[in-house]
């Protein structure tokens, strides 16, 4: 295959993140359990990828802001837990009272 000099190439992220060979026959469905091992812990690698997806790209062109994005998600989750936004198992649907 010939690719002329100066051509900009993009990877198809949808195809890569929905690969049925990596994520199973239900790759297009929301299934967080695909990232867990048999003991219910988060897998270290999914399909040979350290993060389990290629949403931030790969190789030397990987997004340098990926660590900021992941850190922000952790902060958001921690804030939700502290403020009681997430449901608790015994009283599902009844968030914890806000501290005064």
Foldseek 3Di string as FASTA:
>chain_A
DDDDPPDDDDDDQVCQQQPCVFQNPVSVDDDPCSQADPVRHGDCETPNHRVPGQPQHDDPNGNPCPVVVVVVVVVVVVVCVLQQVAADVPDGPDGDHGDD
